[in-house]
Amino acid sequence: MNTKLRQDVLNRDGHQCQLSRLFGIAELTGIPCSEDLEVHHKTYERFGHENTGDGITLCSRCHEALTELIRRLRIGAQLEPDDVERIQPERSEIEDGIRDYSVPDYRGRAASYAQRTTSRPSE
């Protein structure tokens, strides 16, 4: 997105994170938005020839969170049940009458193709 178009999106949105403005994210979490503002692509259909409707102003913290959510949704939509490893809780000893279960950490596994899809996955 070119500098003028980025500035137009920021001006249109009043230099304010739209997740916070629209959904009250800062109030809900108790964590104020970052001062660093970024423009998030809502679509890549006109990549290189975008218009102001293709972008939305987000603080860097909300932009990172939204991008991560989009990646997770796309990865989940592209995997078939047989492609996903079964996560089995690991049992540990009973302590004070309570059995503790732990689940292996799979957060480091992310598909590199996560943001390449530009439209909803077909069903």
PDB file of N, CA and C in Angstrom:
ATOM      1  N   MET A   1       0.864  -1.173   0.000  1.00  0.00           N
ATOM      2  CA  MET A   1       0.000   0.000   0.000  1.00  0.00           C
ATOM      3  C   MET A   1       0.905   1.229   0.000  1.00  0.00           C
ATOM      4  N   ASN A   2       0.658   2.139  -0.923  1.00  0.00           N
ATOM      5  CA  ASN A   2       1.540   3.293  -1.022  1.00  0.00           C
ATOM      6  C   ASN A   2       1.306   4.276   0.141  1.00  0.00           C
ATOM      7  N   THR A   3       2.257   5.177   0.324  1.00  0.00           N
ATOM      8  CA  THR A   3       2.249   6.100   1.467  1.00  0.00           C
ATOM      9  C   THR A   3       1.019   7.002   1.479  1.00  0.00           C
ATOM     10  N   LYS A   4       0.616   7.532   0.318  1.00  0.00           N
ATOM     11  CA  LYS A   4      -0.555   8.417   0.271  1.00  0.00           C
ATOM     12  C   LYS A   4      -1.821   7.656   0.642  1.00  0.00           C
ATOM     13  N   LEU A   5      -1.982   6.467   0.097  1.00  0.00           N
ATOM     14  CA  LEU A   5      -3.164   5.669   0.401  1.00  0.00           C
ATOM     15  C   LEU A   5      -3.193   5.281   1.875  1.00  0.00           C
ATOM     16  N   ARG A   6      -2.034   4.921   2.418  1.00  0.00           N
ATOM     17  CA  ARG A   6      -1.941   4.601   3.853  1.00  0.00           C
ATOM     18  C   ARG A   6      -2.375   5.813   4.683  1.00  0.00           C
ATOM     19  N   GLN A   7      -1.902   6.994   4.318  1.00  0.00           N
ATOM     20  CA  GLN A   7      -2.267   8.219   5.034  1.00  0.00           C
ATOM     21  C   GLN A   7      -3.764   8.497   4.902  1.00  0.00           C
ATOM     22  N   ASP A   8      -4.340   8.242   3.723  1.00  0.00           N
ATOM     23  CA  ASP A   8      -5.782   8.435   3.519  1.00  0.00           C
ATOM     24  C   ASP A   8      -6.598   7.518   4.438  1.00  0.00           C
ATOM     25  N   VAL A   9      -6.155   6.262   4.591  1.00  0.00           N
ATOM     26  CA  VAL A   9      -6.850   5.322   5.480  1.00  0.00           C
ATOM     27  C   VAL A   9      -6.743   5.797   6.930  1.00  0.00           C
ATOM     28  N   LEU A  10      -5.547   6.210   7.330  1.00  0.00           N
ATOM     29  CA  LEU A  10      -5.354   6.714   8.698  1.00  0.00           C
ATOM     30  C   LEU A  10      -6.236   7.934   8.957  1.00  0.00           C
ATOM     31  N   ASN A  11      -6.300   8.849   7.994  1.00  0.00           N
ATOM     32  CA  ASN A  11      -7.146  10.042   8.134  1.00  0.00           C
ATOM     33  C   ASN A  11      -8.623   9.668   8.207  1.00  0.00           C
ATOM     34  N   ARG A  12      -9.054   8.771   7.316  1.00  0.00           N
ATOM     35  CA  ARG A  12     -10.457   8.344   7.314  1.00  0.00           C
ATOM     36  C   ARG A  12     -10.851   7.756   8.671  1.00  0.00           C
ATOM     37  N   ASP A  13      -9.949   6.984   9.275  1.00  0.00           N
ATOM     38  CA  ASP A  13     -10.230   6.318  10.547  1.00  0.00           C
ATOM     39  C   ASP A  13      -9.895   7.181  11.764  1.00  0.00           C
ATOM     40  N   GLY A  14      -9.569   8.439  11.511  1.00  0.00           N
ATOM     41  CA  GLY A  14      -9.287   9.356  12.612  1.00  0.00           C
ATOM     42  C   GLY A  14      -8.055   8.994  13.424  1.00  0.00           C
ATOM     43  N   HIS A  15      -7.090   8.347  12.791  1.00  0.00           N
ATOM     44  CA  HIS A  15      -5.856   7.925  13.463  1.00  0.00           C
ATOM     45  C   HIS A  15      -6.169   7.176  14.751  1.00  0.00           C
ATOM     46  N   GLN A  16      -7.126   6.245  14.660  1.00  0.00           N
ATOM     47  CA  GLN A  16      -7.563   5.479  15.824  1.00  0.00           C
ATOM     48  C   GLN A  16      -7.715   4.014  15.437  1.00  0.00           C
ATOM     49  N   CYS A  17      -7.270   3.117  16.318  1.00  0.00           N
ATOM     50  CA  CYS A  17      -7.408   1.685  16.102  1.00  0.00           C
ATOM     51  C   CYS A  17      -8.890   1.341  16.005  1.00  0.00           C
ATOM     52  N   GLN A  18      -9.272   0.751  14.888  1.00  0.00           N
ATOM     53  CA  GLN A  18     -10.687   0.474  14.647  1.00  0.00           C
ATOM     54  C   GLN A  18     -11.214  -0.705  15.460  1.00  0.00           C
ATOM     55  N   LEU A  19     -10.366  -1.653  15.847  1.00  0.00           N
ATOM     56  CA  LEU A  19     -10.835  -2.729  16.727  1.00  0.00           C
ATOM     57  C   LEU A  19     -11.224  -2.157  18.086  1.00  0.00           C
ATOM     58  N   SER A  20     -10.447  -1.231  18.559  1.00  0.00           N
ATOM     59  CA  SER A  20     -10.773  -0.604  19.837  1.00  0.00           C
ATOM     60  C   SER A  20     -12.017   0.275  19.705  1.00  0.00           C
ATOM     61  N   ARG A  21     -12.086   1.049  18.617  1.00  0.00           N
ATOM     62  CA  ARG A  21     -13.223   1.950  18.425  1.00  0.00           C
ATOM     63  C   ARG A  21     -14.522   1.168  18.241  1.00  0.00           C
ATOM     64  N   LEU A  22     -14.494   0.152  17.395  1.00  0.00           N
ATOM     65  CA  LEU A  22     -15.713  -0.586  17.076  1.00  0.00           C
ATOM     66  C   LEU A  22     -16.126  -1.598  18.141  1.00  0.00           C
ATOM     67  N   PHE A  23     -15.143  -2.256  18.761  1.00  0.00           N
ATOM     68  CA  PHE A  23     -15.466  -3.347  19.675  1.00  0.00           C
ATOM     69  C   PHE A  23     -15.031  -3.102  21.114  1.00  0.00           C
ATOM     70  N   GLY A  24     -14.409  -1.970  21.379  1.00  0.00           N
ATOM     71  CA  GLY A  24     -13.995  -1.667  22.741  1.00  0.00           C
ATOM     72  C   GLY A  24     -12.933  -2.606  23.275  1.00  0.00           C
ATOM     73  N   ILE A  25     -12.014  -3.028  22.410  1.00  0.00           N
ATOM     74  CA  ILE A  25     -10.988  -3.990  22.806  1.00  0.00           C
ATOM     75  C   ILE A  25     -10.183  -3.492  24.002  1.00  0.00           C
ATOM     76  N   ALA A  26      -9.789  -2.230  23.977  1.00  0.00           N
ATOM     77  CA  ALA A  26      -8.993  -1.694  25.092  1.00  0.00           C
ATOM     78  C   ALA A  26      -9.775  -1.736  26.403  1.00  0.00           C
ATOM     79  N   GLU A  27     -11.050  -1.419  26.344  1.00  0.00           N
ATOM     80  CA  GLU A  27     -11.870  -1.435  27.554  1.00  0.00           C
ATOM     81  C   GLU A  27     -12.121  -2.863  28.028  1.00  0.00           C
ATOM     82  N   LEU A  28     -12.345  -3.770  27.072  1.00  0.00           N
ATOM     83  CA  LEU A  28     -12.606  -5.168  27.434  1.00  0.00           C
ATOM     84  C   LEU A  28     -11.398  -5.841  28.061  1.00  0.00           C
ATOM     85  N   THR A  29     -10.227  -5.543  27.541  1.00  0.00           N
ATOM     86  CA  THR A  29      -9.014  -6.204  28.027  1.00  0.00           C
ATOM     87  C   THR A  29      -8.341  -5.441  29.156  1.00  0.00           C
ATOM     88  N   GLY A  30      -8.626  -4.150  29.251  1.00  0.00           N
ATOM     89  CA  GLY A  30      -7.928  -3.331  30.234  1.00  0.00           C
ATOM     90  C   GLY A  30      -6.528  -2.954  29.780  1.00  0.00           C
ATOM     91  N   ILE A  31      -6.195  -3.279  28.553  1.00  0.00           N
ATOM     92  CA  ILE A  31      -4.876  -2.971  27.998  1.00  0.00           C
ATOM     93  C   ILE A  31      -5.065  -1.953  26.875  1.00  0.00           C
ATOM     94  N   PRO A  32      -4.502  -0.770  27.023  1.00  0.00           N
ATOM     95  CA  PRO A  32      -4.689   0.244  25.977  1.00  0.00           C
ATOM     96  C   PRO A  32      -4.001  -0.167  24.682  1.00  0.00           C
ATOM     97  N   CYS A  33      -4.531   0.331  23.586  1.00  0.00           N
ATOM     98  CA  CYS A  33      -3.931   0.068  22.283  1.00  0.00           C
ATOM     99  C   CYS A  33      -2.537   0.677  22.226  1.00  0.00           C
ATOM    100  N   SER A  34      -1.721   0.103  21.373  1.00  0.00           N
ATOM    101  CA  SER A  34      -0.385   0.602  21.131  1.00  0.00           C
ATOM    102  C   SER A  34      -0.480   1.955  20.430  1.00  0.00           C
ATOM    103  N   GLU A  35       0.508   2.780  20.613  1.00  0.00           N
ATOM    104  CA  GLU A  35       0.545   4.082  19.934  1.00  0.00           C
ATOM    105  C   GLU A  35       0.919   3.927  18.455  1.00  0.00           C
ATOM    106  N   ASP A  36       1.555   2.817  18.107  1.00  0.00           N
ATOM    107  CA  ASP A  36       1.980   2.575  16.724  1.00  0.00           C
ATOM    108  C   ASP A  36       0.788   2.133  15.890  1.00  0.00           C
ATOM    109  N   LEU A  37       0.438   2.926  14.881  1.00  0.00           N
ATOM    110  CA  LEU A  37      -0.695   2.602  14.019  1.00  0.00           C
ATOM    111  C   LEU A  37      -0.212   1.997  12.706  1.00  0.00           C
ATOM    112  N   GLU A  38      -0.957   1.008  12.234  1.00  0.00           N
ATOM    113  CA  GLU A  38      -0.645   0.327  10.988  1.00  0.00           C
ATOM    114  C   GLU A  38      -1.923   0.217  10.164  1.00  0.00           C
ATOM    115  N   VAL A  39      -1.775  -0.015   8.883  1.00  0.00           N
ATOM    116  CA  VAL A  39      -2.937  -0.216   8.021  1.00  0.00           C
ATOM    117  C   VAL A  39      -2.968  -1.690   7.621  1.00  0.00           C
ATOM    118  N   HIS A  40      -4.046  -2.353   7.978  1.00  0.00           N
ATOM    119  CA  HIS A  40      -4.237  -3.775   7.676  1.00  0.00           C
ATOM    120  C   HIS A  40      -4.986  -3.912   6.360  1.00  0.00           C
ATOM    121  N   HIS A  41      -4.500  -4.793   5.488  1.00  0.00           N
ATOM    122  CA  HIS A  41      -5.212  -5.095   4.237  1.00  0.00           C
ATOM    123  C   HIS A  41      -6.428  -5.945   4.573  1.00  0.00           C
ATOM    124  N   LYS A  42      -7.619  -5.475   4.238  1.00  0.00           N
ATOM    125  CA  LYS A  42      -8.830  -6.281   4.411  1.00  0.00           C
ATOM    126  C   LYS A  42      -8.972  -7.262   3.255  1.00  0.00           C
ATOM    127  N   THR A  43      -8.373  -6.932   2.123  1.00  0.00           N
ATOM    128  CA  THR A  43      -8.410  -7.803   0.947  1.00  0.00           C
ATOM    129  C   THR A  43      -7.143  -7.569   0.135  1.00  0.00           C
ATOM    130  N   TYR A  44      -6.766  -8.584  -0.610  1.00  0.00           N
ATOM    131  CA  TYR A  44      -5.616  -8.450  -1.513  1.00  0.00           C
ATOM    132  C   TYR A  44      -6.076  -8.511  -2.973  1.00  0.00           C
ATOM    133  N   GLU A  45      -7.369  -8.371  -3.202  1.00  0.00           N
ATOM    134  CA  GLU A  45      -7.920  -8.461  -4.560  1.00  0.00           C
ATOM    135  C   GLU A  45      -7.316  -7.430  -5.504  1.00  0.00           C
ATOM    136  N   ARG A  46      -7.022  -6.239  -4.995  1.00  0.00           N
ATOM    137  CA  ARG A  46      -6.468  -5.171  -5.840  1.00  0.00           C
ATOM    138  C   ARG A  46      -5.043  -4.827  -5.403  1.00  0.00           C
ATOM    139  N   PHE A  47      -4.294  -5.836  -4.934  1.00  0.00           N
ATOM    140  CA  PHE A  47      -2.945  -5.610  -4.418  1.00  0.00           C
ATOM    141  C   PHE A  47      -2.111  -4.830  -5.434  1.00  0.00           C
ATOM    142  N   GLY A  48      -1.544  -3.744  -4.982  1.00  0.00           N
ATOM    143  CA  GLY A  48      -0.780  -2.857  -5.851  1.00  0.00           C
ATOM    144  C   GLY A  48      -1.618  -1.751  -6.456  1.00  0.00           C
ATOM    145  N   HIS A  49      -2.936  -1.907  -6.403  1.00  0.00           N
ATOM    146  CA  HIS A  49      -3.876  -0.918  -6.936  1.00  0.00           C
ATOM    147  C   HIS A  49      -5.016  -0.714  -5.938  1.00  0.00           C
ATOM    148  N   GLU A  50      -4.692  -0.717  -4.654  1.00  0.00           N
ATOM    149  CA  GLU A  50      -5.692  -0.654  -3.599  1.00  0.00           C
ATOM    150  C   GLU A  50      -6.436   0.675  -3.583  1.00  0.00           C
ATOM    151  N   ASN A  51      -7.604   0.664  -2.929  1.00  0.00           N
ATOM    152  CA  ASN A  51      -8.310   1.904  -2.625  1.00  0.00           C
ATOM    153  C   ASN A  51      -8.474   1.961  -1.104  1.00  0.00           C
ATOM    154  N   THR A  52      -8.977   3.069  -0.586  1.00  0.00           N
ATOM    155  CA  THR A  52      -9.058   3.219   0.875  1.00  0.00           C
ATOM    156  C   THR A  52      -9.956   2.172   1.524  1.00  0.00           C
ATOM    157  N   GLY A  53     -10.917   1.648   0.794  1.00  0.00           N
ATOM    158  CA  GLY A  53     -11.781   0.616   1.350  1.00  0.00           C
ATOM    159  C   GLY A  53     -11.084  -0.716   1.570  1.00  0.00           C
ATOM    160  N   ASP A  54      -9.891  -0.865   1.013  1.00  0.00           N
ATOM    161  CA  ASP A  54      -9.139  -2.113   1.161  1.00  0.00           C
ATOM    162  C   ASP A  54      -8.338  -2.159   2.458  1.00  0.00           C
ATOM    163  N   GLY A  55      -8.280  -1.049   3.188  1.00  0.00           N
ATOM    164  CA  GLY A  55      -7.469  -1.005   4.402  1.00  0.00           C
ATOM    165  C   GLY A  55      -8.265  -0.569   5.609  1.00  0.00           C
ATOM    166  N   ILE A  56      -7.735  -0.876   6.780  1.00  0.00           N
ATOM    167  CA  ILE A  56      -8.335  -0.454   8.043  1.00  0.00           C
ATOM    168  C   ILE A  56      -7.206  -0.152   9.019  1.00  0.00           C
ATOM    169  N   THR A  57      -7.367   0.892   9.814  1.00  0.00           N
ATOM    170  CA  THR A  57      -6.351   1.296  10.773  1.00  0.00           C
ATOM    171  C   THR A  57      -6.431   0.442  12.026  1.00  0.00           C
ATOM    172  N   LEU A  58      -5.287  -0.129  12.409  1.00  0.00           N
ATOM    173  CA  LEU A  58      -5.183  -0.912  13.634  1.00  0.00           C
ATOM    174  C   LEU A  58      -3.901  -0.524  14.353  1.00  0.00           C
ATOM    175  N   CYS A  59      -3.915  -0.609  15.676  1.00  0.00           N
ATOM    176  CA  CYS A  59      -2.658  -0.432  16.406  1.00  0.00           C
ATOM    177  C   CYS A  59      -1.825  -1.692  16.167  1.00  0.00           C
ATOM    178  N   SER A  60      -0.539  -1.623  16.387  1.00  0.00           N
ATOM    179  CA  SER A  60       0.326  -2.768  16.085  1.00  0.00           C
ATOM    180  C   SER A  60      -0.067  -4.003  16.897  1.00  0.00           C
ATOM    181  N   ARG A  61      -0.513  -3.832  18.126  1.00  0.00           N
ATOM    182  CA  ARG A  61      -0.908  -4.964  18.972  1.00  0.00           C
ATOM    183  C   ARG A  61      -2.157  -5.649  18.409  1.00  0.00           C
ATOM    184  N   CYS A  62      -3.182  -4.871  18.048  1.00  0.00           N
ATOM    185  CA  CYS A  62      -4.406  -5.443  17.486  1.00  0.00           C
ATOM    186  C   CYS A  62      -4.145  -6.031  16.098  1.00  0.00           C
ATOM    187  N   HIS A  63      -3.255  -5.385  15.316  1.00  0.00           N
ATOM    188  CA  HIS A  63      -2.920  -5.896  13.991  1.00  0.00           C
ATOM    189  C   HIS A  63      -2.287  -7.284  14.106  1.00  0.00           C
ATOM    190  N   GLU A  64      -1.372  -7.431  15.034  1.00  0.00           N
ATOM    191  CA  GLU A  64      -0.715  -8.726  15.251  1.00  0.00           C
ATOM    192  C   GLU A  64      -1.740  -9.779  15.691  1.00  0.00           C
ATOM    193  N   ALA A  65      -2.636  -9.408  16.610  1.00  0.00           N
ATOM    194  CA  ALA A  65      -3.646 -10.349  17.105  1.00  0.00           C
ATOM    195  C   ALA A  65      -4.611 -10.755  15.994  1.00  0.00           C
ATOM    196  N   LEU A  66      -5.051  -9.790  15.182  1.00  0.00           N
ATOM    197  CA  LEU A  66      -5.975 -10.091  14.095  1.00  0.00           C
ATOM    198  C   LEU A  66      -5.314 -10.977  13.042  1.00  0.00           C
ATOM    199  N   THR A  67      -4.069 -10.676  12.700  1.00  0.00           N
ATOM    200  CA  THR A  67      -3.345 -11.476  11.720  1.00  0.00           C
ATOM    201  C   THR A  67      -3.185 -12.910  12.224  1.00  0.00           C
ATOM    202  N   GLU A  68      -2.875 -13.086  13.489  1.00  0.00           N
ATOM    203  CA  GLU A  68      -2.741 -14.423  14.066  1.00  0.00           C
ATOM    204  C   GLU A  68      -4.075 -15.168  14.024  1.00  0.00           C
ATOM    205  N   LEU A  69      -5.164 -14.484  14.336  1.00  0.00           N
ATOM    206  CA  LEU A  69      -6.485 -15.101  14.280  1.00  0.00           C
ATOM    207  C   LEU A  69      -6.814 -15.547  12.858  1.00  0.00           C
ATOM    208  N   ILE A  70      -6.552 -14.694  11.879  1.00  0.00           N
ATOM    209  CA  ILE A  70      -6.811 -15.029  10.479  1.00  0.00           C
ATOM    210  C   ILE A  70      -5.997 -16.250  10.070  1.00  0.00           C
ATOM    211  N   ARG A  71      -4.736 -16.289  10.449  1.00  0.00           N
ATOM    212  CA  ARG A  71      -3.891 -17.440  10.124  1.00  0.00           C
ATOM    213  C   ARG A  71      -4.458 -18.720  10.718  1.00  0.00           C
ATOM    214  N   ARG A  72      -4.843 -18.662  11.988  1.00  0.00           N
ATOM    215  CA  ARG A  72      -5.380 -19.858  12.647  1.00  0.00           C
ATOM    216  C   ARG A  72      -6.678 -20.325  11.987  1.00  0.00           C
ATOM    217  N   LEU A  73      -7.542 -19.392  11.630  1.00  0.00           N
ATOM    218  CA  LEU A  73      -8.794 -19.766  10.975  1.00  0.00           C
ATOM    219  C   LEU A  73      -8.542 -20.390   9.608  1.00  0.00           C
ATOM    220  N   ARG A  74      -7.617 -19.812   8.862  1.00  0.00           N
ATOM    221  CA  ARG A  74      -7.317 -20.354   7.538  1.00  0.00           C
ATOM    222  C   ARG A  74      -6.672 -21.725   7.634  1.00  0.00           C
ATOM    223  N   ILE A  75      -5.773 -21.903   8.567  1.00  0.00           N
ATOM    224  CA  ILE A  75      -5.131 -23.204   8.742  1.00  0.00           C
ATOM    225  C   ILE A  75      -6.180 -24.239   9.127  1.00  0.00           C
ATOM    226  N   GLY A  76      -7.048 -23.905  10.057  1.00  0.00           N
ATOM    227  CA  GLY A  76      -8.097 -24.824  10.489  1.00  0.00           C
ATOM    228  C   GLY A  76      -9.042 -25.187   9.373  1.00  0.00           C
ATOM    229  N   ALA A  77      -9.349 -24.234   8.501  1.00  0.00           N
ATOM    230  CA  ALA A  77     -10.280 -24.487   7.405  1.00  0.00           C
ATOM    231  C   ALA A  77      -9.650 -25.341   6.312  1.00  0.00           C
ATOM    232  N   GLN A  78      -8.322 -25.355   6.219  1.00  0.00           N
ATOM    233  CA  GLN A  78      -7.655 -26.081   5.150  1.00  0.00           C
ATOM    234  C   GLN A  78      -7.250 -27.495   5.545  1.00  0.00           C
ATOM    235  N   LEU A  79      -7.317 -27.826   6.820  1.00  0.00           N
ATOM    236  CA  LEU A  79      -6.904 -29.143   7.269  1.00  0.00           C
ATOM    237  C   LEU A  79      -8.087 -30.086   7.351  1.00  0.00           C
ATOM    238  N   GLU A  80      -7.875 -31.290   6.944  1.00  0.00           N
ATOM    239  CA  GLU A  80      -8.862 -32.342   7.095  1.00  0.00           C
ATOM    240  C   GLU A  80      -8.605 -33.017   8.437  1.00  0.00           C
ATOM    241  N   PRO A  81      -9.625 -33.623   9.052  1.00  0.00           N
ATOM    242  CA  PRO A  81      -9.425 -34.273  10.349  1.00  0.00           C
ATOM    243  C   PRO A  81      -8.261 -35.264  10.369  1.00  0.00           C
ATOM    244  N   ASP A  82      -8.037 -35.972   9.262  1.00  0.00           N
ATOM    245  CA  ASP A  82      -6.942 -36.946   9.224  1.00  0.00           C
ATOM    246  C   ASP A  82      -5.567 -36.285   9.176  1.00  0.00           C
ATOM    247  N   ASP A  83      -5.520 -34.987   8.809  1.00  0.00           N
ATOM    248  CA  ASP A  83      -4.250 -34.265   8.722  1.00  0.00           C
ATOM    249  C   ASP A  83      -3.765 -33.767  10.076  1.00  0.00           C
ATOM    250  N   VAL A  84      -4.633 -33.756  11.033  1.00  0.00           N
ATOM    251  CA  VAL A  84      -4.313 -33.176  12.341  1.00  0.00           C
ATOM    252  C   VAL A  84      -3.884 -34.277  13.299  1.00  0.00           C
ATOM    253  N   GLU A  85      -2.746 -34.059  13.955  1.00  0.00           N
ATOM    254  CA  GLU A  85      -2.304 -35.026  14.959  1.00  0.00           C
ATOM    255  C   GLU A  85      -3.272 -35.012  16.133  1.00  0.00           C
ATOM    256  N   ARG A  86      -3.554 -36.167  16.637  1.00  0.00           N
ATOM    257  CA  ARG A  86      -4.426 -36.258  17.802  1.00  0.00           C
ATOM    258  C   ARG A  86      -3.634 -35.812  19.016  1.00  0.00           C
ATOM    259  N   ILE A  87      -4.165 -34.881  19.740  1.00  0.00           N
ATOM    260  CA  ILE A  87      -3.502 -34.385  20.950  1.00  0.00           C
ATOM    261  C   ILE A  87      -4.069 -35.161  22.130  1.00  0.00           C
ATOM    262  N   GLN A  88      -3.220 -35.917  22.773  1.00  0.00           N
ATOM    263  CA  GLN A  88      -3.634 -36.702  23.928  1.00  0.00           C
ATOM    264  C   GLN A  88      -3.042 -36.075  25.189  1.00  0.00           C
ATOM    265  N   PRO A  89      -3.899 -35.783  26.165  1.00  0.00           N
ATOM    266  CA  PRO A  89      -3.353 -35.285  27.428  1.00  0.00           C
ATOM    267  C   PRO A  89      -2.445 -36.333  28.054  1.00  0.00           C
ATOM    268  N   GLU A  90      -1.395 -35.884  28.661  1.00  0.00           N
ATOM    269  CA  GLU A  90      -0.478 -36.784  29.346  1.00  0.00           C
ATOM    270  C   GLU A  90      -0.865 -36.825  30.818  1.00  0.00           C
ATOM    271  N   ARG A  91      -1.121 -38.016  31.310  1.00  0.00           N
ATOM    272  CA  ARG A  91      -1.523 -38.145  32.708  1.00  0.00           C
ATOM    273  C   ARG A  91      -0.309 -38.075  33.611  1.00  0.00           C
ATOM    274  N   SER A  92      -0.510 -37.474  34.731  1.00  0.00           N
ATOM    275  CA  SER A  92       0.533 -37.485  35.749  1.00  0.00           C
ATOM    276  C   SER A  92      -0.059 -38.103  37.018  1.00  0.00           C
ATOM    277  N   GLU A  93       0.758 -38.228  38.000  1.00  0.00           N
ATOM    278  CA  GLU A  93       0.323 -38.856  39.245  1.00  0.00           C
ATOM    279  C   GLU A  93      -0.757 -38.029  39.940  1.00  0.00           C
ATOM    280  N   ILE A  94      -1.586 -38.726  40.680  1.00  0.00           N
ATOM    281  CA  ILE A  94      -2.610 -38.045  41.472  1.00  0.00           C
ATOM    282  C   ILE A  94      -1.932 -37.409  42.674  1.00  0.00           C
ATOM    283  N   GLU A  95      -2.189 -36.121  42.846  1.00  0.00           N
ATOM    284  CA  GLU A  95      -1.624 -35.395  43.981  1.00  0.00           C
ATOM    285  C   GLU A  95      -2.761 -34.745  44.744  1.00  0.00           C
ATOM    286  N   ASP A  96      -2.885 -35.039  46.012  1.00  0.00           N
ATOM    287  CA  ASP A  96      -3.962 -34.524  46.863  1.00  0.00           C
ATOM    288  C   ASP A  96      -5.332 -34.840  46.273  1.00  0.00           C
ATOM    289  N   GLY A  97      -5.477 -36.040  45.670  1.00  0.00           N
ATOM    290  CA  GLY A  97      -6.757 -36.461  45.138  1.00  0.00           C
ATOM    291  C   GLY A  97      -7.113 -35.835  43.798  1.00  0.00           C
ATOM    292  N   ILE A  98      -6.212 -35.055  43.206  1.00  0.00           N
ATOM    293  CA  ILE A  98      -6.490 -34.390  41.925  1.00  0.00           C
ATOM    294  C   ILE A  98      -5.515 -34.918  40.884  1.00  0.00           C
ATOM    295  N   ARG A  99      -6.057 -35.406  39.775  1.00  0.00           N
ATOM    296  CA  ARG A  99      -5.197 -35.870  38.685  1.00  0.00           C
ATOM    297  C   ARG A  99      -4.889 -34.675  37.785  1.00  0.00           C
ATOM    298  N   ASP A 100      -3.629 -34.491  37.505  1.00  0.00           N
ATOM    299  CA  ASP A 100      -3.193 -33.375  36.665  1.00  0.00           C
ATOM    300  C   ASP A 100      -2.999 -33.879  35.240  1.00  0.00           C
ATOM    301  N   TYR A 101      -3.553 -33.153  34.280  1.00  0.00           N
ATOM    302  CA  TYR A 101      -3.365 -33.470  32.868  1.00  0.00           C
ATOM    303  C   TYR A 101      -2.609 -32.318  32.225  1.00  0.00           C
ATOM    304  N   SER A 102      -1.716 -32.650  31.335  1.00  0.00           N
ATOM    305  CA  SER A 102      -1.039 -31.597  30.585  1.00  0.00           C
ATOM    306  C   SER A 102      -1.126 -31.951  29.108  1.00  0.00           C
ATOM    307  N   VAL A 103      -1.157 -30.930  28.277  1.00  0.00           N
ATOM    308  CA  VAL A 103      -1.251 -31.111  26.833  1.00  0.00           C
ATOM    309  C   VAL A 103       0.025 -30.577  26.217  1.00  0.00           C
ATOM    310  N   PRO A 104       0.636 -31.348  25.305  1.00  0.00           N
ATOM    311  CA  PRO A 104       1.860 -30.863  24.659  1.00  0.00           C
ATOM    312  C   PRO A 104       1.631 -29.516  23.974  1.00  0.00           C
ATOM    313  N   ASP A 105       2.661 -28.700  23.919  1.00  0.00           N
ATOM    314  CA  ASP A 105       2.580 -27.374  23.318  1.00  0.00           C
ATOM    315  C   ASP A 105       2.815 -27.483  21.811  1.00  0.00           C
ATOM    316  N   TYR A 106       1.762 -27.194  21.021  1.00  0.00           N
ATOM    317  CA  TYR A 106       1.850 -27.264  19.568  1.00  0.00           C
ATOM    318  C   TYR A 106       1.871 -25.880  18.932  1.00  0.00           C
ATOM    319  N   ARG A 107       2.047 -24.823  19.739  1.00  0.00           N
ATOM    320  CA  ARG A 107       1.956 -23.465  19.205  1.00  0.00           C
ATOM    321  C   ARG A 107       3.026 -23.134  18.190  1.00  0.00           C
ATOM    322  N   GLY A 108       4.166 -23.780  18.234  1.00  0.00           N
ATOM    323  CA  GLY A 108       5.247 -23.454  17.302  1.00  0.00           C
ATOM    324  C   GLY A 108       4.998 -23.931  15.891  1.00  0.00           C
ATOM    325  N   ARG A 109       3.952 -24.715  15.687  1.00  0.00           N
ATOM    326  CA  ARG A 109       3.664 -25.269  14.366  1.00  0.00           C
ATOM    327  C   ARG A 109       2.702 -24.363  13.615  1.00  0.00           C
ATOM    328  N   ALA A 110       3.198 -23.728  12.585  1.00  0.00           N
ATOM    329  CA  ALA A 110       2.335 -22.868  11.757  1.00  0.00           C
ATOM    330  C   ALA A 110       2.633 -23.144  10.298  1.00  0.00           C
ATOM    331  N   ALA A 111       1.611 -23.161   9.508  1.00  0.00           N
ATOM    332  CA  ALA A 111       1.799 -23.396   8.075  1.00  0.00           C
ATOM    333  C   ALA A 111       2.324 -22.139   7.405  1.00  0.00           C
ATOM    334  N   SER A 112       3.267 -22.295   6.504  1.00  0.00           N
ATOM    335  CA  SER A 112       3.840 -21.126   5.832  1.00  0.00           C
ATOM    336  C   SER A 112       2.875 -20.527   4.819  1.00  0.00           C
ATOM    337  N   TYR A 113       1.868 -21.299   4.411  1.00  0.00           N
ATOM    338  CA  TYR A 113       0.934 -20.810   3.406  1.00  0.00           C
ATOM    339  C   TYR A 113      -0.270 -20.111   4.028  1.00  0.00           C
ATOM    340  N   ALA A 114      -0.222 -19.824   5.305  1.00  0.00           N
ATOM    341  CA  ALA A 114      -1.388 -19.373   6.054  1.00  0.00           C
ATOM    342  C   ALA A 114      -2.068 -18.150   5.466  1.00  0.00           C
ATOM    343  N   GLN A 115      -1.332 -17.176   4.968  1.00  0.00           N
ATOM    344  CA  GLN A 115      -1.982 -15.967   4.482  1.00  0.00           C
ATOM    345  C   GLN A 115      -1.985 -15.851   2.968  1.00  0.00           C
ATOM    346  N   ARG A 116      -1.723 -16.924   2.274  1.00  0.00           N
ATOM    347  CA  ARG A 116      -1.690 -16.846   0.811  1.00  0.00           C
ATOM    348  C   ARG A 116      -3.083 -16.852   0.195  1.00  0.00           C
ATOM    349  N   THR A 117      -4.042 -17.472   0.846  1.00  0.00           N
ATOM    350  CA  THR A 117      -5.388 -17.517   0.314  1.00  0.00           C
ATOM    351  C   THR A 117      -6.005 -16.130   0.388  1.00  0.00           C
ATOM    352  N   THR A 118      -6.622 -15.675  -0.694  1.00  0.00           N
ATOM    353  CA  THR A 118      -7.178 -14.329  -0.703  1.00  0.00           C
ATOM    354  C   THR A 118      -8.697 -14.326  -0.630  1.00  0.00           C
ATOM    355  N   SER A 119      -9.303 -15.499  -0.576  1.00  0.00           N
ATOM    356  CA  SER A 119     -10.752 -15.560  -0.451  1.00  0.00           C
ATOM    357  C   SER A 119     -11.102 -16.682   0.519  1.00  0.00           C
ATOM    358  N   ARG A 120     -12.381 -16.766   0.857  1.00  0.00           N
ATOM    359  CA  ARG A 120     -12.818 -17.804   1.769  1.00  0.00           C
ATOM    360  C   ARG A 120     -12.538 -19.175   1.166  1.00  0.00           C
ATOM    361  N   PRO A 121     -12.096 -20.107   1.991  1.00  0.00           N
ATOM    362  CA  PRO A 121     -11.881 -21.471   1.473  1.00  0.00           C
ATOM    363  C   PRO A 121     -13.216 -22.051   0.985  1.00  0.00           C
ATOM    364  N   SER A 122     -13.181 -22.781  -0.112  1.00  0.00           N
ATOM    365  CA  SER A 122     -14.410 -23.407  -0.612  1.00  0.00           C
ATOM    366  C   SER A 122     -14.772 -24.577   0.288  1.00  0.00           C
ATOM    367  N   GLU A 123     -16.045 -24.823   0.391  1.00  0.00           N
ATOM    368  CA  GLU A 123     -16.495 -25.898   1.278  1.00  0.00           C
ATOM    369  C   GLU A 123     -16.660 -27.192   0.557  1.00  0.00           C
TER     370      GLU A 123
END
